[in-house]
PDB file of N, CA and C in Angstrom:
ATOM      1  N   MET A   1      13.777 -17.450  19.777  1.00  0.00           N
ATOM      2  CA  MET A   1      12.628 -16.579  19.609  1.00  0.00           C
ATOM      3  C   MET A   1      11.382 -17.440  19.739  1.00  0.00           C
ATOM      4  N   ASN A   2      10.411 -16.943  20.474  1.00  0.00           N
ATOM      5  CA  ASN A   2       9.159 -17.677  20.630  1.00  0.00           C
ATOM      6  C   ASN A   2       7.981 -16.799  20.204  1.00  0.00           C
ATOM      7  N   LEU A   3       6.806 -17.361  20.250  1.00  0.00           N
ATOM      8  CA  LEU A   3       5.612 -16.667  19.763  1.00  0.00           C
ATOM      9  C   LEU A   3       5.362 -15.369  20.521  1.00  0.00           C
ATOM     10  N   ARG A   4       5.482 -15.409  21.824  1.00  0.00           N
ATOM     11  CA  ARG A   4       5.235 -14.209  22.628  1.00  0.00           C
ATOM     12  C   ARG A   4       6.210 -13.093  22.253  1.00  0.00           C
ATOM     13  N   ASP A   5       7.490 -13.429  22.106  1.00  0.00           N
ATOM     14  CA  ASP A   5       8.494 -12.430  21.755  1.00  0.00           C
ATOM     15  C   ASP A   5       8.251 -11.836  20.373  1.00  0.00           C
ATOM     16  N   ILE A   6       7.912 -12.684  19.406  1.00  0.00           N
ATOM     17  CA  ILE A   6       7.699 -12.173  18.058  1.00  0.00           C
ATOM     18  C   ILE A   6       6.477 -11.268  18.007  1.00  0.00           C
ATOM     19  N   LYS A   7       5.430 -11.591  18.744  1.00  0.00           N
ATOM     20  CA  LYS A   7       4.250 -10.723  18.775  1.00  0.00           C
ATOM     21  C   LYS A   7       4.582  -9.382  19.405  1.00  0.00           C
ATOM     22  N   LYS A   8       5.392  -9.380  20.452  1.00  0.00           N
ATOM     23  CA  LYS A   8       5.812  -8.121  21.086  1.00  0.00           C
ATOM     24  C   LYS A   8       6.660  -7.293  20.127  1.00  0.00           C
ATOM     25  N   ASP A   9       7.572  -7.959  19.411  1.00  0.00           N
ATOM     26  CA  ASP A   9       8.419  -7.252  18.450  1.00  0.00           C
ATOM     27  C   ASP A   9       7.591  -6.614  17.342  1.00  0.00           C
ATOM     28  N   ILE A  10       6.639  -7.361  16.820  1.00  0.00           N
ATOM     29  CA  ILE A  10       5.778  -6.839  15.753  1.00  0.00           C
ATOM     30  C   ILE A  10       5.038  -5.601  16.250  1.00  0.00           C
ATOM     31  N   GLU A  11       4.448  -5.710  17.412  1.00  0.00           N
ATOM     32  CA  GLU A  11       3.688  -4.584  17.955  1.00  0.00           C
ATOM     33  C   GLU A  11       4.583  -3.385  18.234  1.00  0.00           C
ATOM     34  N   TYR A  12       5.737  -3.625  18.840  1.00  0.00           N
ATOM     35  CA  TYR A  12       6.628  -2.528  19.195  1.00  0.00           C
ATOM     36  C   TYR A  12       7.150  -1.801  17.960  1.00  0.00           C
ATOM     37  N   VAL A  13       7.662  -2.546  17.006  1.00  0.00           N
ATOM     38  CA  VAL A  13       8.297  -1.944  15.828  1.00  0.00           C
ATOM     39  C   VAL A  13       7.285  -1.155  15.001  1.00  0.00           C
ATOM     40  N   LEU A  14       6.153  -1.750  14.719  1.00  0.00           N
ATOM     41  CA  LEU A  14       5.192  -1.065  13.862  1.00  0.00           C
ATOM     42  C   LEU A  14       4.453   0.046  14.605  1.00  0.00           C
ATOM     43  N   SER A  15       4.254  -0.093  15.899  1.00  0.00           N
ATOM     44  CA  SER A  15       3.656   1.000  16.679  1.00  0.00           C
ATOM     45  C   SER A  15       4.591   2.205  16.728  1.00  0.00           C
ATOM     46  N   ALA A  16       5.875   1.942  16.894  1.00  0.00           N
ATOM     47  CA  ALA A  16       6.850   3.034  16.900  1.00  0.00           C
ATOM     48  C   ALA A  16       6.867   3.746  15.556  1.00  0.00           C
ATOM     49  N   PHE A  17       6.766   2.977  14.481  1.00  0.00           N
ATOM     50  CA  PHE A  17       6.733   3.599  13.151  1.00  0.00           C
ATOM     51  C   PHE A  17       5.503   4.487  12.987  1.00  0.00           C
ATOM     52  N   ILE A  18       4.362   3.991  13.416  1.00  0.00           N
ATOM     53  CA  ILE A  18       3.124   4.770  13.284  1.00  0.00           C
ATOM     54  C   ILE A  18       3.204   6.042  14.130  1.00  0.00           C
ATOM     55  N   GLU A  19       3.783   5.957  15.315  1.00  0.00           N
ATOM     56  CA  GLU A  19       3.964   7.148  16.143  1.00  0.00           C
ATOM     57  C   GLU A  19       4.858   8.161  15.439  1.00  0.00           C
ATOM     58  N   ASP A  20       5.937   7.688  14.813  1.00  0.00           N
ATOM     59  CA  ASP A  20       6.812   8.582  14.060  1.00  0.00           C
ATOM     60  C   ASP A  20       6.066   9.235  12.906  1.00  0.00           C
ATOM     61  N   CYS A  21       5.194   8.488  12.263  1.00  0.00           N
ATOM     62  CA  CYS A  21       4.399   9.042  11.164  1.00  0.00           C
ATOM     63  C   CYS A  21       3.484  10.154  11.659  1.00  0.00           C
ATOM     64  N   VAL A  22       2.877   9.956  12.815  1.00  0.00           N
ATOM     65  CA  VAL A  22       1.986  10.972  13.374  1.00  0.00           C
ATOM     66  C   VAL A  22       2.760  12.260  13.666  1.00  0.00           C
ATOM     67  N   VAL A  23       3.948  12.119  14.232  1.00  0.00           N
ATOM     68  CA  VAL A  23       4.776  13.286  14.523  1.00  0.00           C
ATOM     69  C   VAL A  23       5.172  13.988  13.227  1.00  0.00           C
ATOM     70  N   CYS A  24       5.596  13.216  12.238  1.00  0.00           N
ATOM     71  CA  CYS A  24       6.003  13.810  10.957  1.00  0.00           C
ATOM     72  C   CYS A  24       4.836  14.484  10.251  1.00  0.00           C
ATOM     73  N   ALA A  25       3.663  13.889  10.326  1.00  0.00           N
ATOM     74  CA  ALA A  25       2.488  14.478   9.684  1.00  0.00           C
ATOM     75  C   ALA A  25       2.121  15.800  10.345  1.00  0.00           C
ATOM     76  N   SER A  26       2.342  15.904  11.646  1.00  0.00           N
ATOM     77  CA  SER A  26       2.015  17.159  12.323  1.00  0.00           C
ATOM     78  C   SER A  26       3.037  18.249  12.023  1.00  0.00           C
ATOM     79  N   THR A  27       4.271  17.868  11.724  1.00  0.00           N
ATOM     80  CA  THR A  27       5.298  18.863  11.411  1.00  0.00           C
ATOM     81  C   THR A  27       5.418  19.139   9.917  1.00  0.00           C
ATOM     82  N   LYS A  28       4.930  18.235   9.107  1.00  0.00           N
ATOM     83  CA  LYS A  28       4.979  18.387   7.637  1.00  0.00           C
ATOM     84  C   LYS A  28       3.590  18.156   7.056  1.00  0.00           C
ATOM     85  N   PRO A  29       2.649  19.071   7.295  1.00  0.00           N
ATOM     86  CA  PRO A  29       1.275  18.843   6.823  1.00  0.00           C
ATOM     87  C   PRO A  29       1.153  18.744   5.299  1.00  0.00           C
ATOM     88  N   GLN A  30       2.108  19.282   4.564  1.00  0.00           N
ATOM     89  CA  GLN A  30       2.050  19.206   3.102  1.00  0.00           C
ATOM     90  C   GLN A  30       2.274  17.776   2.598  1.00  0.00           C
ATOM     91  N   HIS A  31       2.819  16.903   3.442  1.00  0.00           N
ATOM     92  CA  HIS A  31       3.072  15.515   3.047  1.00  0.00           C
ATOM     93  C   HIS A  31       2.123  14.547   3.737  1.00  0.00           C
ATOM     94  N   GLN A  32       1.027  15.047   4.236  1.00  0.00           N
ATOM     95  CA  GLN A  32       0.123  14.228   5.026  1.00  0.00           C
ATOM     96  C   GLN A  32      -0.446  13.039   4.241  1.00  0.00           C
ATOM     97  N   GLU A  33      -0.743  13.224   2.969  1.00  0.00           N
ATOM     98  CA  GLU A  33      -1.296  12.118   2.178  1.00  0.00           C
ATOM     99  C   GLU A  33      -0.288  10.982   2.019  1.00  0.00           C
ATOM    100  N   LYS A  34       0.969  11.327   1.732  1.00  0.00           N
ATOM    101  CA  LYS A  34       2.007  10.305   1.573  1.00  0.00           C
ATOM    102  C   LYS A  34       2.247   9.575   2.892  1.00  0.00           C
ATOM    103  N   ILE A  35       2.265  10.328   3.976  1.00  0.00           N
ATOM    104  CA  ILE A  35       2.492   9.721   5.290  1.00  0.00           C
ATOM    105  C   ILE A  35       1.309   8.844   5.676  1.00  0.00           C
ATOM    106  N   SER A  36       0.118   9.279   5.347  1.00  0.00           N
ATOM    107  CA  SER A  36      -1.075   8.488   5.633  1.00  0.00           C
ATOM    108  C   SER A  36      -1.035   7.152   4.883  1.00  0.00           C
ATOM    109  N   ALA A  37      -0.534   7.172   3.663  1.00  0.00           N
ATOM    110  CA  ALA A  37      -0.401   5.935   2.884  1.00  0.00           C
ATOM    111  C   ALA A  37       0.594   4.987   3.553  1.00  0.00           C
ATOM    112  N   LEU A  38       1.669   5.540   4.116  1.00  0.00           N
ATOM    113  CA  LEU A  38       2.633   4.706   4.829  1.00  0.00           C
ATOM    114  C   LEU A  38       2.015   4.097   6.090  1.00  0.00           C
ATOM    115  N   VAL A  39       1.187   4.865   6.783  1.00  0.00           N
ATOM    116  CA  VAL A  39       0.508   4.346   7.974  1.00  0.00           C
ATOM    117  C   VAL A  39      -0.417   3.200   7.579  1.00  0.00           C
ATOM    118  N   ASP A  40      -1.150   3.373   6.493  1.00  0.00           N
ATOM    119  CA  ASP A  40      -2.027   2.302   6.015  1.00  0.00           C
ATOM    120  C   ASP A  40      -1.223   1.040   5.693  1.00  0.00           C
ATOM    121  N   GLU A  41      -0.080   1.222   5.068  1.00  0.00           N
ATOM    122  CA  GLU A  41       0.777   0.089   4.738  1.00  0.00           C
ATOM    123  C   GLU A  41       1.312  -0.582   6.016  1.00  0.00           C
ATOM    124  N   ALA A  42       1.658   0.225   7.011  1.00  0.00           N
ATOM    125  CA  ALA A  42       2.150  -0.321   8.281  1.00  0.00           C
ATOM    126  C   ALA A  42       1.064  -1.129   8.982  1.00  0.00           C
ATOM    127  N   VAL A  43      -0.163  -0.662   8.942  1.00  0.00           N
ATOM    128  CA  VAL A  43      -1.275  -1.393   9.553  1.00  0.00           C
ATOM    129  C   VAL A  43      -1.498  -2.717   8.825  1.00  0.00           C
ATOM    130  N   ASP A  44      -1.414  -2.682   7.497  1.00  0.00           N
ATOM    131  CA  ASP A  44      -1.547  -3.918   6.727  1.00  0.00           C
ATOM    132  C   ASP A  44      -0.427  -4.904   7.071  1.00  0.00           C
ATOM    133  N   LEU A  45       0.800  -4.388   7.207  1.00  0.00           N
ATOM    134  CA  LEU A  45       1.920  -5.251   7.577  1.00  0.00           C
ATOM    135  C   LEU A  45       1.724  -5.825   8.976  1.00  0.00           C
ATOM    136  N   PHE A  46       1.231  -5.012   9.894  1.00  0.00           N
ATOM    137  CA  PHE A  46       0.963  -5.480  11.253  1.00  0.00           C
ATOM    138  C   PHE A  46       0.009  -6.666  11.214  1.00  0.00           C
ATOM    139  N   ASN A  47      -1.080  -6.510  10.477  1.00  0.00           N
ATOM    140  CA  ASN A  47      -2.061  -7.594  10.371  1.00  0.00           C
ATOM    141  C   ASN A  47      -1.464  -8.832   9.708  1.00  0.00           C
ATOM    142  N   GLU A  48      -0.683  -8.620   8.663  1.00  0.00           N
ATOM    143  CA  GLU A  48      -0.045  -9.739   7.959  1.00  0.00           C
ATOM    144  C   GLU A  48       0.908 -10.497   8.886  1.00  0.00           C
ATOM    145  N   PHE A  49       1.732  -9.757   9.626  1.00  0.00           N
ATOM    146  CA  PHE A  49       2.696 -10.401  10.506  1.00  0.00           C
ATOM    147  C   PHE A  49       2.021 -11.100  11.684  1.00  0.00           C
ATOM    148  N   ARG A  50       0.967 -10.507  12.210  1.00  0.00           N
ATOM    149  CA  ARG A  50       0.245 -11.168  13.305  1.00  0.00           C
ATOM    150  C   ARG A  50      -0.395 -12.467  12.807  1.00  0.00           C
ATOM    151  N   ASP A  51      -0.897 -12.458  11.584  1.00  0.00           N
ATOM    152  CA  ASP A  51      -1.454 -13.685  11.005  1.00  0.00           C
ATOM    153  C   ASP A  51      -0.368 -14.746  10.819  1.00  0.00           C
ATOM    154  N   LYS A  52       0.798 -14.304  10.337  1.00  0.00           N
ATOM    155  CA  LYS A  52       1.903 -15.246  10.151  1.00  0.00           C
ATOM    156  C   LYS A  52       2.374 -15.809  11.496  1.00  0.00           C
ATOM    157  N   ALA A  53       2.391 -14.962  12.512  1.00  0.00           N
ATOM    158  CA  ALA A  53       2.830 -15.409  13.836  1.00  0.00           C
ATOM    159  C   ALA A  53       1.847 -16.415  14.427  1.00  0.00           C
ATOM    160  N   ALA A  54       0.570 -16.242  14.130  1.00  0.00           N
ATOM    161  CA  ALA A  54      -0.455 -17.125  14.684  1.00  0.00           C
ATOM    162  C   ALA A  54      -0.660 -18.393  13.847  1.00  0.00           C
ATOM    163  N   ALA A  55      -0.047 -18.445  12.681  1.00  0.00           N
ATOM    164  CA  ALA A  55      -0.223 -19.600  11.790  1.00  0.00           C
ATOM    165  C   ALA A  55       0.382 -20.850  12.403  1.00  0.00           C
ATOM    166  N   LYS A  56      -0.197 -21.976  12.049  1.00  0.00           N
ATOM    167  CA  LYS A  56       0.327 -23.257  12.515  1.00  0.00           C
ATOM    168  C   LYS A  56       1.639 -23.525  11.780  1.00  0.00           C
ATOM    169  N   VAL A  57       2.673 -23.803  12.553  1.00  0.00           N
ATOM    170  CA  VAL A  57       4.011 -23.985  11.995  1.00  0.00           C
ATOM    171  C   VAL A  57       4.341 -25.466  11.941  1.00  0.00           C
ATOM    172  N   GLU A  58       4.749 -25.896  10.755  1.00  0.00           N
ATOM    173  CA  GLU A  58       5.228 -27.268  10.612  1.00  0.00           C
ATOM    174  C   GLU A  58       6.744 -27.205  10.520  1.00  0.00           C
ATOM    175  N   GLY A  59       7.389 -28.050  11.255  1.00  0.00           N
ATOM    176  CA  GLY A  59       8.848 -28.033  11.259  1.00  0.00           C
ATOM    177  C   GLY A  59       9.357 -27.236  12.445  1.00  0.00           C
ATOM    178  N   SER A  60      10.511 -26.645  12.272  1.00  0.00           N
ATOM    179  CA  SER A  60      11.175 -25.919  13.349  1.00  0.00           C
ATOM    180  C   SER A  60      10.518 -24.562  13.607  1.00  0.00           C
ATOM    181  N   LYS A  61       9.932 -24.420  14.776  1.00  0.00           N
ATOM    182  CA  LYS A  61       9.317 -23.140  15.135  1.00  0.00           C
ATOM    183  C   LYS A  61      10.380 -22.066  15.317  1.00  0.00           C
ATOM    184  N   LYS A  62      11.510 -22.441  15.860  1.00  0.00           N
ATOM    185  CA  LYS A  62      12.592 -21.474  16.086  1.00  0.00           C
ATOM    186  C   LYS A  62      13.034 -20.845  14.770  1.00  0.00           C
ATOM    187  N   THR A  63      13.241 -21.658  13.764  1.00  0.00           N
ATOM    188  CA  THR A  63      13.651 -21.160  12.450  1.00  0.00           C
ATOM    189  C   THR A  63      12.565 -20.278  11.847  1.00  0.00           C
ATOM    190  N   TYR A  64      11.324 -20.718  11.960  1.00  0.00           N
ATOM    191  CA  TYR A  64      10.207 -19.956  11.407  1.00  0.00           C
ATOM    192  C   TYR A  64      10.119 -18.578  12.056  1.00  0.00           C
ATOM    193  N   PHE A  65      10.193 -18.529  13.385  1.00  0.00           N
ATOM    194  CA  PHE A  65      10.080 -17.251  14.080  1.00  0.00           C
ATOM    195  C   PHE A  65      11.300 -16.368  13.854  1.00  0.00           C
ATOM    196  N   ASN A  66      12.482 -16.951  13.733  1.00  0.00           N
ATOM    197  CA  ASN A  66      13.671 -16.156  13.412  1.00  0.00           C
ATOM    198  C   ASN A  66      13.542 -15.523  12.030  1.00  0.00           C
ATOM    199  N   ASN A  67      13.047 -16.300  11.055  1.00  0.00           N
ATOM    200  CA  ASN A  67      12.851 -15.758   9.709  1.00  0.00           C
ATOM    201  C   ASN A  67      11.773 -14.681   9.704  1.00  0.00           C
ATOM    202  N   LEU A  68      10.727 -14.898  10.474  1.00  0.00           N
ATOM    203  CA  LEU A  68       9.663 -13.898  10.564  1.00  0.00           C
ATOM    204  C   LEU A  68      10.188 -12.618  11.205  1.00  0.00           C
ATOM    205  N   SER A  69      11.007 -12.748  12.225  1.00  0.00           N
ATOM    206  CA  SER A  69      11.598 -11.585  12.878  1.00  0.00           C
ATOM    207  C   SER A  69      12.461 -10.785  11.903  1.00  0.00           C
ATOM    208  N   LYS A  70      13.259 -11.489  11.102  1.00  0.00           N
ATOM    209  CA  LYS A  70      14.087 -10.813  10.097  1.00  0.00           C
ATOM    210  C   LYS A  70      13.212 -10.087   9.080  1.00  0.00           C
ATOM    211  N   GLU A  71      12.120 -10.715   8.676  1.00  0.00           N
ATOM    212  CA  GLU A  71      11.214 -10.093   7.715  1.00  0.00           C
ATOM    213  C   GLU A  71      10.580  -8.830   8.299  1.00  0.00           C
ATOM    214  N   VAL A  72      10.197  -8.883   9.565  1.00  0.00           N
ATOM    215  CA  VAL A  72       9.621  -7.715  10.238  1.00  0.00           C
ATOM    216  C   VAL A  72      10.623  -6.558  10.204  1.00  0.00           C
ATOM    217  N   LEU A  73      11.860  -6.840  10.555  1.00  0.00           N
ATOM    218  CA  LEU A  73      12.873  -5.789  10.584  1.00  0.00           C
ATOM    219  C   LEU A  73      13.171  -5.243   9.193  1.00  0.00           C
ATOM    220  N   GLU A  74      13.249  -6.111   8.198  1.00  0.00           N
ATOM    221  CA  GLU A  74      13.529  -5.660   6.833  1.00  0.00           C
ATOM    222  C   GLU A  74      12.423  -4.755   6.309  1.00  0.00           C
ATOM    223  N   LYS A  75      11.185  -5.183   6.480  1.00  0.00           N
ATOM    224  CA  LYS A  75      10.070  -4.401   5.950  1.00  0.00           C
ATOM    225  C   LYS A  75       9.861  -3.110   6.737  1.00  0.00           C
ATOM    226  N   SER A  76      10.096  -3.139   8.039  1.00  0.00           N
ATOM    227  CA  SER A  76       9.952  -1.914   8.822  1.00  0.00           C
ATOM    228  C   SER A  76      11.081  -0.933   8.491  1.00  0.00           C
ATOM    229  N   ASN A  77      12.290  -1.437   8.251  1.00  0.00           N
ATOM    230  CA  ASN A  77      13.382  -0.560   7.828  1.00  0.00           C
ATOM    231  C   ASN A  77      13.060   0.113   6.503  1.00  0.00           C
ATOM    232  N   ASP A  78      12.419  -0.628   5.601  1.00  0.00           N
ATOM    233  CA  ASP A  78      12.000  -0.055   4.330  1.00  0.00           C
ATOM    234  C   ASP A  78      10.986   1.073   4.557  1.00  0.00           C
ATOM    235  N   LEU A  79      10.041   0.846   5.461  1.00  0.00           N
ATOM    236  CA  LEU A  79       9.049   1.884   5.763  1.00  0.00           C
ATOM    237  C   LEU A  79       9.721   3.125   6.336  1.00  0.00           C
ATOM    238  N   TRP A  80      10.656   2.939   7.267  1.00  0.00           N
ATOM    239  CA  TRP A  80      11.340   4.085   7.859  1.00  0.00           C
ATOM    240  C   TRP A  80      12.184   4.819   6.819  1.00  0.00           C
ATOM    241  N   SER A  81      12.794   4.106   5.894  1.00  0.00           N
ATOM    242  CA  SER A  81      13.565   4.743   4.826  1.00  0.00           C
ATOM    243  C   SER A  81      12.661   5.613   3.965  1.00  0.00           C
ATOM    244  N   ARG A  82      11.499   5.077   3.631  1.00  0.00           N
ATOM    245  CA  ARG A  82      10.560   5.841   2.805  1.00  0.00           C
ATOM    246  C   ARG A  82      10.037   7.064   3.562  1.00  0.00           C
ATOM    247  N   LEU A  83       9.792   6.913   4.868  1.00  0.00           N
ATOM    248  CA  LEU A  83       9.365   8.062   5.658  1.00  0.00           C
ATOM    249  C   LEU A  83      10.453   9.118   5.713  1.00  0.00           C
ATOM    250  N   SER A  84      11.692   8.690   5.846  1.00  0.00           N
ATOM    251  CA  SER A  84      12.821   9.637   5.867  1.00  0.00           C
ATOM    252  C   SER A  84      12.909  10.429   4.573  1.00  0.00           C
ATOM    253  N   LYS A  85      12.685   9.760   3.444  1.00  0.00           N
ATOM    254  CA  LYS A  85      12.724  10.452   2.155  1.00  0.00           C
ATOM    255  C   LYS A  85      11.613  11.484   2.054  1.00  0.00           C
ATOM    256  N   ILE A  86      10.438  11.138   2.563  1.00  0.00           N
ATOM    257  CA  ILE A  86       9.305  12.082   2.526  1.00  0.00           C
ATOM    258  C   ILE A  86       9.609  13.294   3.391  1.00  0.00           C
ATOM    259  N   VAL A  87      10.144  13.064   4.572  1.00  0.00           N
ATOM    260  CA  VAL A  87      10.448  14.158   5.486  1.00  0.00           C
ATOM    261  C   VAL A  87      11.568  15.058   4.928  1.00  0.00           C
ATOM    262  N   ALA A  88      12.503  14.472   4.198  1.00  0.00           N
ATOM    263  CA  ALA A  88      13.614  15.231   3.640  1.00  0.00           C
ATOM    264  C   ALA A  88      13.191  16.135   2.491  1.00  0.00           C
ATOM    265  N   GLU A  89      12.039  15.880   1.908  1.00  0.00           N
ATOM    266  CA  GLU A  89      11.580  16.693   0.759  1.00  0.00           C
ATOM    267  C   GLU A  89      11.283  18.111   1.194  1.00  0.00           C
TER     268      GLU A  89
END
């Protein structure tokens, strides 16, 4: 994994989540506030991950980017789980 790939992954995963939130908000207007909070959290995560990706890495870059990639997937899965619970209500 390299810097370019991790930046693409961050953008793709969190953009897809935000798109799903927009669709859910349009079909479930009663949950718009909760979904909006998830979008705000996704934007914050996007900024956090982009900062981490751009940070100067000491040691193995491969290990750092692999760990960052795992963190992106874990946190995005958590966001999607929470969105699923909101939609199921």
